[in-house]
PDB file of N, CA and C in Angstrom:
ATOM      1  N   MET A   1       4.569  -6.791 -11.762  1.00  0.00           N
ATOM      2  CA  MET A   1       5.618  -5.798 -11.855  1.00  0.00           C
ATOM      3  C   MET A   1       6.178  -5.566 -10.451  1.00  0.00           C
ATOM      4  N   THR A   2       7.485  -5.522 -10.350  1.00  0.00           N
ATOM      5  CA  THR A   2       8.146  -5.306  -9.068  1.00  0.00           C
ATOM      6  C   THR A   2       8.695  -3.888  -8.995  1.00  0.00           C
ATOM      7  N   LYS A   3       9.183  -3.533  -7.811  1.00  0.00           N
ATOM      8  CA  LYS A   3       9.792  -2.220  -7.637  1.00  0.00           C
ATOM      9  C   LYS A   3      10.992  -2.072  -8.570  1.00  0.00           C
ATOM     10  N   LYS A   4      11.740  -3.137  -8.739  1.00  0.00           N
ATOM     11  CA  LYS A   4      12.906  -3.114  -9.625  1.00  0.00           C
ATOM     12  C   LYS A   4      12.476  -2.824 -11.063  1.00  0.00           C
ATOM     13  N   ASP A   5      11.387  -3.438 -11.513  1.00  0.00           N
ATOM     14  CA  ASP A   5      10.878  -3.192 -12.859  1.00  0.00           C
ATOM     15  C   ASP A   5      10.486  -1.725 -13.039  1.00  0.00           C
ATOM     16  N   ILE A   6       9.867  -1.152 -12.021  1.00  0.00           N
ATOM     17  CA  ILE A   6       9.477   0.257 -12.069  1.00  0.00           C
ATOM     18  C   ILE A   6      10.714   1.139 -12.180  1.00  0.00           C
ATOM     19  N   VAL A   7      11.721   0.857 -11.370  1.00  0.00           N
ATOM     20  CA  VAL A   7      12.959   1.637 -11.385  1.00  0.00           C
ATOM     21  C   VAL A   7      13.615   1.569 -12.757  1.00  0.00           C
ATOM     22  N   ILE A   8      13.688   0.391 -13.338  1.00  0.00           N
ATOM     23  CA  ILE A   8      14.317   0.221 -14.647  1.00  0.00           C
ATOM     24  C   ILE A   8      13.558   1.010 -15.719  1.00  0.00           C
ATOM     25  N   LYS A   9      12.221   0.931 -15.708  1.00  0.00           N
ATOM     26  CA  LYS A   9      11.429   1.656 -16.702  1.00  0.00           C
ATOM     27  C   LYS A   9      11.623   3.162 -16.580  1.00  0.00           C
ATOM     28  N   ILE A  10      11.587   3.677 -15.347  1.00  0.00           N
ATOM     29  CA  ILE A  10      11.764   5.122 -15.141  1.00  0.00           C
ATOM     30  C   ILE A  10      13.166   5.543 -15.571  1.00  0.00           C
ATOM     31  N   ALA A  11      14.168   4.768 -15.211  1.00  0.00           N
ATOM     32  CA  ALA A  11      15.548   5.096 -15.575  1.00  0.00           C
ATOM     33  C   ALA A  11      15.723   5.107 -17.090  1.00  0.00           C
ATOM     34  N   ASP A  12      15.135   4.139 -17.780  1.00  0.00           N
ATOM     35  CA  ASP A  12      15.247   4.079 -19.235  1.00  0.00           C
ATOM     36  C   ASP A  12      14.558   5.270 -19.914  1.00  0.00           C
ATOM     37  N   GLU A  13      13.387   5.656 -19.391  1.00  0.00           N
ATOM     38  CA  GLU A  13      12.628   6.737 -20.018  1.00  0.00           C
ATOM     39  C   GLU A  13      13.200   8.117 -19.724  1.00  0.00           C
ATOM     40  N   THR A  14      13.824   8.284 -18.553  1.00  0.00           N
ATOM     41  CA  THR A  14      14.300   9.604 -18.159  1.00  0.00           C
ATOM     42  C   THR A  14      15.789   9.810 -18.347  1.00  0.00           C
ATOM     43  N   GLY A  15      16.546   8.733 -18.452  1.00  0.00           N
ATOM     44  CA  GLY A  15      17.989   8.855 -18.580  1.00  0.00           C
ATOM     45  C   GLY A  15      18.695   9.067 -17.249  1.00  0.00           C
ATOM     46  N   VAL A  16      17.958   8.966 -16.146  1.00  0.00           N
ATOM     47  CA  VAL A  16      18.533   9.099 -14.810  1.00  0.00           C
ATOM     48  C   VAL A  16      19.084   7.735 -14.394  1.00  0.00           C
ATOM     49  N   LYS A  17      20.173   7.739 -13.620  1.00  0.00           N
ATOM     50  CA  LYS A  17      20.778   6.476 -13.184  1.00  0.00           C
ATOM     51  C   LYS A  17      19.799   5.684 -12.339  1.00  0.00           C
ATOM     52  N   GLN A  18      19.845   4.358 -12.494  1.00  0.00           N
ATOM     53  CA  GLN A  18      18.939   3.477 -11.749  1.00  0.00           C
ATOM     54  C   GLN A  18      19.085   3.659 -10.246  1.00  0.00           C
ATOM     55  N   ILE A  19      20.303   3.843  -9.756  1.00  0.00           N
ATOM     56  CA  ILE A  19      20.529   3.987  -8.311  1.00  0.00           C
ATOM     57  C   ILE A  19      19.813   5.224  -7.769  1.00  0.00           C
ATOM     58  N   ASP A  20      19.815   6.310  -8.564  1.00  0.00           N
ATOM     59  CA  ASP A  20      19.137   7.538  -8.138  1.00  0.00           C
ATOM     60  C   ASP A  20      17.622   7.366  -8.178  1.00  0.00           C
ATOM     61  N   VAL A  21      17.127   6.706  -9.217  1.00  0.00           N
ATOM     62  CA  VAL A  21      15.691   6.452  -9.324  1.00  0.00           C
ATOM     63  C   VAL A  21      15.240   5.559  -8.170  1.00  0.00           C
ATOM     64  N   LYS A  22      16.051   4.555  -7.850  1.00  0.00           N
ATOM     65  CA  LYS A  22      15.710   3.632  -6.763  1.00  0.00           C
ATOM     66  C   LYS A  22      15.585   4.376  -5.441  1.00  0.00           C
ATOM     67  N   LYS A  23      16.495   5.324  -5.187  1.00  0.00           N
ATOM     68  CA  LYS A  23      16.442   6.110  -3.948  1.00  0.00           C
ATOM     69  C   LYS A  23      15.154   6.920  -3.864  1.00  0.00           C
ATOM     70  N   VAL A  24      14.772   7.541  -4.981  1.00  0.00           N
ATOM     71  CA  VAL A  24      13.558   8.358  -4.998  1.00  0.00           C
ATOM     72  C   VAL A  24      12.317   7.495  -4.803  1.00  0.00           C
ATOM     73  N   VAL A  25      12.252   6.377  -5.509  1.00  0.00           N
ATOM     74  CA  VAL A  25      11.096   5.480  -5.380  1.00  0.00           C
ATOM     75  C   VAL A  25      11.000   4.958  -3.949  1.00  0.00           C
ATOM     76  N   GLN A  26      12.124   4.538  -3.369  1.00  0.00           N
ATOM     77  CA  GLN A  26      12.117   3.996  -2.009  1.00  0.00           C
ATOM     78  C   GLN A  26      11.707   5.055  -0.996  1.00  0.00           C
ATOM     79  N   LYS A  27      12.232   6.290  -1.146  1.00  0.00           N
ATOM     80  CA  LYS A  27      11.860   7.376  -0.225  1.00  0.00           C
ATOM     81  C   LYS A  27      10.371   7.682  -0.327  1.00  0.00           C
ATOM     82  N   THR A  28       9.827   7.643  -1.540  1.00  0.00           N
ATOM     83  CA  THR A  28       8.398   7.886  -1.725  1.00  0.00           C
ATOM     84  C   THR A  28       7.581   6.836  -0.976  1.00  0.00           C
ATOM     85  N   LEU A  29       7.955   5.587  -1.142  1.00  0.00           N
ATOM     86  CA  LEU A  29       7.238   4.512  -0.447  1.00  0.00           C
ATOM     87  C   LEU A  29       7.414   4.624   1.066  1.00  0.00           C
ATOM     88  N   ASP A  30       8.606   4.992   1.520  1.00  0.00           N
ATOM     89  CA  ASP A  30       8.855   5.162   2.959  1.00  0.00           C
ATOM     90  C   ASP A  30       7.953   6.245   3.547  1.00  0.00           C
ATOM     91  N   TYR A  31       7.814   7.370   2.832  1.00  0.00           N
ATOM     92  CA  TYR A  31       6.963   8.456   3.325  1.00  0.00           C
ATOM     93  C   TYR A  31       5.491   8.048   3.355  1.00  0.00           C
ATOM     94  N   ILE A  32       5.066   7.266   2.385  1.00  0.00           N
ATOM     95  CA  ILE A  32       3.684   6.777   2.390  1.00  0.00           C
ATOM     96  C   ILE A  32       3.456   5.892   3.612  1.00  0.00           C
ATOM     97  N   VAL A  33       4.388   4.979   3.880  1.00  0.00           N
ATOM     98  CA  VAL A  33       4.259   4.077   5.035  1.00  0.00           C
ATOM     99  C   VAL A  33       4.279   4.871   6.346  1.00  0.00           C
ATOM    100  N   GLU A  34       5.179   5.848   6.460  1.00  0.00           N
ATOM    101  CA  GLU A  34       5.252   6.663   7.679  1.00  0.00           C
ATOM    102  C   GLU A  34       3.944   7.405   7.925  1.00  0.00           C
ATOM    103  N   SER A  35       3.369   7.977   6.874  1.00  0.00           N
ATOM    104  CA  SER A  35       2.100   8.696   7.013  1.00  0.00           C
ATOM    105  C   SER A  35       0.979   7.769   7.455  1.00  0.00           C
ATOM    106  N   LEU A  36       0.924   6.581   6.869  1.00  0.00           N
ATOM    107  CA  LEU A  36      -0.110   5.613   7.252  1.00  0.00           C
ATOM    108  C   LEU A  36       0.087   5.154   8.692  1.00  0.00           C
ATOM    109  N   ALA A  37       1.331   5.008   9.122  1.00  0.00           N
ATOM    110  CA  ALA A  37       1.616   4.594  10.498  1.00  0.00           C
ATOM    111  C   ALA A  37       1.135   5.649  11.492  1.00  0.00           C
ATOM    112  N   ARG A  38       1.157   6.919  11.087  1.00  0.00           N
ATOM    113  CA  ARG A  38       0.661   8.004  11.946  1.00  0.00           C
ATOM    114  C   ARG A  38      -0.858   8.153  11.860  1.00  0.00           C
ATOM    115  N   GLY A  39      -1.503   7.345  11.025  1.00  0.00           N
ATOM    116  CA  GLY A  39      -2.957   7.399  10.898  1.00  0.00           C
ATOM    117  C   GLY A  39      -3.435   8.411   9.883  1.00  0.00           C
ATOM    118  N   GLU A  40      -2.531   8.959   9.082  1.00  0.00           N
ATOM    119  CA  GLU A  40      -2.908   9.942   8.074  1.00  0.00           C
ATOM    120  C   GLU A  40      -3.396   9.245   6.804  1.00  0.00           C
ATOM    121  N   THR A  41      -4.155   9.977   6.013  1.00  0.00           N
ATOM    122  CA  THR A  41      -4.614   9.500   4.710  1.00  0.00           C
ATOM    123  C   THR A  41      -3.631   9.994   3.658  1.00  0.00           C
ATOM    124  N   VAL A  42      -3.299   9.137   2.703  1.00  0.00           N
ATOM    125  CA  VAL A  42      -2.399   9.513   1.610  1.00  0.00           C
ATOM    126  C   VAL A  42      -3.205   9.512   0.328  1.00  0.00           C
ATOM    127  N   GLU A  43      -3.332  10.704  -0.280  1.00  0.00           N
ATOM    128  CA  GLU A  43      -4.106  10.845  -1.503  1.00  0.00           C
ATOM    129  C   GLU A  43      -3.172  11.192  -2.655  1.00  0.00           C
ATOM    130  N   LEU A  44      -3.153  10.340  -3.662  1.00  0.00           N
ATOM    131  CA  LEU A  44      -2.365  10.577  -4.867  1.00  0.00           C
ATOM    132  C   LEU A  44      -3.358  10.814  -5.996  1.00  0.00           C
ATOM    133  N   ARG A  45      -3.472  12.051  -6.426  1.00  0.00           N
ATOM    134  CA  ARG A  45      -4.467  12.423  -7.445  1.00  0.00           C
ATOM    135  C   ARG A  45      -4.364  11.525  -8.669  1.00  0.00           C
ATOM    136  N   ASN A  46      -5.495  11.149  -9.193  1.00  0.00           N
ATOM    137  CA  ASN A  46      -5.633  10.292 -10.381  1.00  0.00           C
ATOM    138  C   ASN A  46      -5.104   8.881 -10.165  1.00  0.00           C
ATOM    139  N   PHE A  47      -4.638   8.560  -8.963  1.00  0.00           N
ATOM    140  CA  PHE A  47      -4.165   7.209  -8.670  1.00  0.00           C
ATOM    141  C   PHE A  47      -5.077   6.562  -7.656  1.00  0.00           C
ATOM    142  N   GLY A  48      -5.155   7.156  -6.447  1.00  0.00           N
ATOM    143  CA  GLY A  48      -6.033   6.602  -5.438  1.00  0.00           C
ATOM    144  C   GLY A  48      -5.717   7.122  -4.051  1.00  0.00           C
ATOM    145  N   ILE A  49      -6.420   6.570  -3.062  1.00  0.00           N
ATOM    146  CA  ILE A  49      -6.295   6.996  -1.671  1.00  0.00           C
ATOM    147  C   ILE A  49      -5.966   5.787  -0.796  1.00  0.00           C
ATOM    148  N   PHE A  50      -4.913   5.930   0.012  1.00  0.00           N
ATOM    149  CA  PHE A  50      -4.549   4.936   1.012  1.00  0.00           C
ATOM    150  C   PHE A  50      -5.035   5.439   2.366  1.00  0.00           C
ATOM    151  N   LYS A  51      -5.688   4.582   3.137  1.00  0.00           N
ATOM    152  CA  LYS A  51      -6.165   4.928   4.481  1.00  0.00           C
ATOM    153  C   LYS A  51      -5.923   3.749   5.405  1.00  0.00           C
ATOM    154  N   THR A  52      -5.862   4.048   6.704  1.00  0.00           N
ATOM    155  CA  THR A  52      -5.835   2.966   7.684  1.00  0.00           C
ATOM    156  C   THR A  52      -7.232   2.828   8.261  1.00  0.00           C
ATOM    157  N   LYS A  53      -7.569   1.603   8.615  1.00  0.00           N
ATOM    158  CA  LYS A  53      -8.894   1.303   9.139  1.00  0.00           C
ATOM    159  C   LYS A  53      -8.706   0.314  10.284  1.00  0.00           C
ATOM    160  N   SER A  54      -9.477   0.468  11.341  1.00  0.00           N
ATOM    161  CA  SER A  54      -9.390  -0.465  12.468  1.00  0.00           C
ATOM    162  C   SER A  54     -10.407  -1.584  12.286  1.00  0.00           C
ATOM    163  N   ARG A  55      -9.933  -2.797  12.445  1.00  0.00           N
ATOM    164  CA  ARG A  55     -10.845  -3.943  12.450  1.00  0.00           C
ATOM    165  C   ARG A  55     -11.102  -4.316  13.897  1.00  0.00           C
ATOM    166  N   LYS A  56     -12.344  -4.517  14.231  1.00  0.00           N
ATOM    167  CA  LYS A  56     -12.700  -4.881  15.594  1.00  0.00           C
ATOM    168  C   LYS A  56     -12.186  -6.268  15.942  1.00  0.00           C
ATOM    169  N   GLY A  57     -11.917  -6.459  17.224  1.00  0.00           N
ATOM    170  CA  GLY A  57     -11.569  -7.796  17.685  1.00  0.00           C
ATOM    171  C   GLY A  57     -12.790  -8.696  17.604  1.00  0.00           C
ATOM    172  N   ARG A  58     -12.550  -9.975  17.477  1.00  0.00           N
ATOM    173  CA  ARG A  58     -13.676 -10.908  17.370  1.00  0.00           C
ATOM    174  C   ARG A  58     -13.237 -12.283  17.858  1.00  0.00           C
ATOM    175  N   ILE A  59     -14.172 -13.180  17.913  1.00  0.00           N
ATOM    176  CA  ILE A  59     -13.875 -14.557  18.296  1.00  0.00           C
ATOM    177  C   ILE A  59     -13.843 -15.385  17.017  1.00  0.00           C
ATOM    178  N   GLY A  60     -12.702 -16.031  16.767  1.00  0.00           N
ATOM    179  CA  GLY A  60     -12.560 -16.900  15.608  1.00  0.00           C
ATOM    180  C   GLY A  60     -12.595 -18.352  16.049  1.00  0.00           C
ATOM    181  N   ARG A  61     -12.390 -19.248  15.118  1.00  0.00           N
ATOM    182  CA  ARG A  61     -12.432 -20.669  15.437  1.00  0.00           C
ATOM    183  C   ARG A  61     -11.263 -21.365  14.757  1.00  0.00           C
ATOM    184  N   ASN A  62     -10.553 -22.173  15.523  1.00  0.00           N
ATOM    185  CA  ASN A  62      -9.470 -22.984  14.975  1.00  0.00           C
ATOM    186  C   ASN A  62     -10.115 -24.090  14.150  1.00  0.00           C
ATOM    187  N   PRO A  63      -9.820 -24.172  12.837  1.00  0.00           N
ATOM    188  CA  PRO A  63     -10.501 -25.154  11.993  1.00  0.00           C
ATOM    189  C   PRO A  63     -10.151 -26.606  12.331  1.00  0.00           C
ATOM    190  N   ARG A  64      -8.969 -26.842  12.889  1.00  0.00           N
ATOM    191  CA  ARG A  64      -8.594 -28.221  13.227  1.00  0.00           C
ATOM    192  C   ARG A  64      -9.282 -28.718  14.488  1.00  0.00           C
ATOM    193  N   THR A  65      -9.279 -27.880  15.525  1.00  0.00           N
ATOM    194  CA  THR A  65      -9.798 -28.327  16.816  1.00  0.00           C
ATOM    195  C   THR A  65     -11.220 -27.852  17.090  1.00  0.00           C
ATOM    196  N   GLY A  66     -11.655 -26.812  16.369  1.00  0.00           N
ATOM    197  CA  GLY A  66     -12.977 -26.259  16.633  1.00  0.00           C
ATOM    198  C   GLY A  66     -12.975 -25.339  17.839  1.00  0.00           C
ATOM    199  N   GLU A  67     -11.817 -25.144  18.439  1.00  0.00           N
ATOM    200  CA  GLU A  67     -11.686 -24.305  19.638  1.00  0.00           C
ATOM    201  C   GLU A  67     -11.865 -22.828  19.280  1.00  0.00           C
ATOM    202  N   SER A  68     -12.532 -22.080  20.135  1.00  0.00           N
ATOM    203  CA  SER A  68     -12.699 -20.635  19.943  1.00  0.00           C
ATOM    204  C   SER A  68     -11.390 -19.936  20.272  1.00  0.00           C
ATOM    205  N   VAL A  69     -11.032 -18.972  19.428  1.00  0.00           N
ATOM    206  CA  VAL A  69      -9.779 -18.240  19.596  1.00  0.00           C
ATOM    207  C   VAL A  69     -10.077 -16.742  19.492  1.00  0.00           C
ATOM    208  N   PRO A  70      -9.636 -15.957  20.481  1.00  0.00           N
ATOM    209  CA  PRO A  70      -9.860 -14.513  20.368  1.00  0.00           C
ATOM    210  C   PRO A  70      -8.912 -13.897  19.333  1.00  0.00           C
ATOM    211  N   ILE A  71      -9.471 -13.081  18.445  1.00  0.00           N
ATOM    212  CA  ILE A  71      -8.674 -12.377  17.448  1.00  0.00           C
ATOM    213  C   ILE A  71      -8.679 -10.906  17.854  1.00  0.00           C
ATOM    214  N   PRO A  72      -7.499 -10.347  18.150  1.00  0.00           N
ATOM    215  CA  PRO A  72      -7.450  -8.972  18.648  1.00  0.00           C
ATOM    216  C   PRO A  72      -7.763  -7.928  17.567  1.00  0.00           C
ATOM    217  N   GLU A  73      -8.100  -6.724  18.012  1.00  0.00           N
ATOM    218  CA  GLU A  73      -8.328  -5.611  17.104  1.00  0.00           C
ATOM    219  C   GLU A  73      -7.007  -5.288  16.409  1.00  0.00           C
ATOM    220  N   LYS A  74      -7.087  -4.884  15.128  1.00  0.00           N
ATOM    221  CA  LYS A  74      -5.868  -4.508  14.421  1.00  0.00           C
ATOM    222  C   LYS A  74      -6.180  -3.453  13.368  1.00  0.00           C
ATOM    223  N   LYS A  75      -5.129  -2.753  12.953  1.00  0.00           N
ATOM    224  CA  LYS A  75      -5.270  -1.757  11.903  1.00  0.00           C
ATOM    225  C   LYS A  75      -4.827  -2.367  10.582  1.00  0.00           C
ATOM    226  N   VAL A  76      -5.556  -2.049   9.518  1.00  0.00           N
ATOM    227  CA  VAL A  76      -5.221  -2.523   8.186  1.00  0.00           C
ATOM    228  C   VAL A  76      -5.213  -1.329   7.227  1.00  0.00           C
ATOM    229  N   VAL A  77      -4.474  -1.457   6.143  1.00  0.00           N
ATOM    230  CA  VAL A  77      -4.417  -0.410   5.138  1.00  0.00           C
ATOM    231  C   VAL A  77      -5.433  -0.740   4.044  1.00  0.00           C
ATOM    232  N   THR A  78      -6.199   0.277   3.655  1.00  0.00           N
ATOM    233  CA  THR A  78      -7.150   0.103   2.560  1.00  0.00           C
ATOM    234  C   THR A  78      -6.751   1.032   1.421  1.00  0.00           C
ATOM    235  N   PHE A  79      -7.142   0.661   0.220  1.00  0.00           N
ATOM    236  CA  PHE A  79      -6.855   1.468  -0.964  1.00  0.00           C
ATOM    237  C   PHE A  79      -8.110   1.620  -1.784  1.00  0.00           C
ATOM    238  N   LYS A  80      -8.391   2.868  -2.156  1.00  0.00           N
ATOM    239  CA  LYS A  80      -9.532   3.149  -3.033  1.00  0.00           C
ATOM    240  C   LYS A  80      -8.977   3.777  -4.308  1.00  0.00           C
ATOM    241  N   PRO A  81      -9.124   3.110  -5.438  1.00  0.00           N
ATOM    242  CA  PRO A  81      -8.569   3.651  -6.687  1.00  0.00           C
ATOM    243  C   PRO A  81      -9.257   4.939  -7.116  1.00  0.00           C
ATOM    244  N   GLY A  82      -8.491   5.825  -7.762  1.00  0.00           N
ATOM    245  CA  GLY A  82      -9.027   7.074  -8.288  1.00  0.00           C
ATOM    246  C   GLY A  82      -9.783   6.838  -9.586  1.00  0.00           C
ATOM    247  N   LEU A  83     -10.445   7.881 -10.052  1.00  0.00           N
ATOM    248  CA  LEU A  83     -11.275   7.762 -11.248  1.00  0.00           C
ATOM    249  C   LEU A  83     -10.444   7.419 -12.486  1.00  0.00           C
ATOM    250  N   VAL A  84      -9.272   8.044 -12.631  1.00  0.00           N
ATOM    251  CA  VAL A  84      -8.447   7.781 -13.805  1.00  0.00           C
ATOM    252  C   VAL A  84      -7.980   6.325 -13.804  1.00  0.00           C
ATOM    253  N   MET A  85      -7.581   5.814 -12.634  1.00  0.00           N
ATOM    254  CA  MET A  85      -7.153   4.417 -12.556  1.00  0.00           C
ATOM    255  C   MET A  85      -8.304   3.474 -12.886  1.00  0.00           C
ATOM    256  N   LYS A  86      -9.464   3.764 -12.332  1.00  0.00           N
ATOM    257  CA  LYS A  86     -10.630   2.908 -12.614  1.00  0.00           C
ATOM    258  C   LYS A  86     -10.911   2.855 -14.105  1.00  0.00           C
ATOM    259  N   ALA A  87     -10.864   4.023 -14.753  1.00  0.00           N
ATOM    260  CA  ALA A  87     -11.166   4.095 -16.180  1.00  0.00           C
ATOM    261  C   ALA A  87     -10.121   3.339 -17.011  1.00  0.00           C
ATOM    262  N   ARG A  88      -8.848   3.441 -16.639  1.00  0.00           N
ATOM    263  CA  ARG A  88      -7.788   2.806 -17.425  1.00  0.00           C
ATOM    264  C   ARG A  88      -7.755   1.300 -17.229  1.00  0.00           C
ATOM    265  N   VAL A  89      -8.127   0.836 -16.041  1.00  0.00           N
ATOM    266  CA  VAL A  89      -8.096  -0.591 -15.749  1.00  0.00           C
ATOM    267  C   VAL A  89      -9.282  -1.305 -16.381  1.00  0.00           C
ATOM    268  N   LYS A  90     -10.390  -0.598 -16.520  1.00  0.00           N
ATOM    269  CA  LYS A  90     -11.591  -1.195 -17.125  1.00  0.00           C
ATOM    270  C   LYS A  90     -11.261  -1.755 -18.409  1.00  0.00           C
TER     271      LYS A  90
END
């Protein structure tokens, strides 16, 4: 399912124009990304929790040459599903 599919479904069920639904969906996603960029946790009840986590730097290996390559520390986004989502997906 894509963002477009979500917009179409919401527009069909609510009777709101697709362009307006698209703006709301996009703004919601933008605010989630902005919060994560600031290092905040985003909790959506009955859906799940988005958090940022730091991965330590490490030494990797180039598979072609076998040469050691330093991999820098980076932040990644993690998601933990809520109880309702877990139950429905089961």
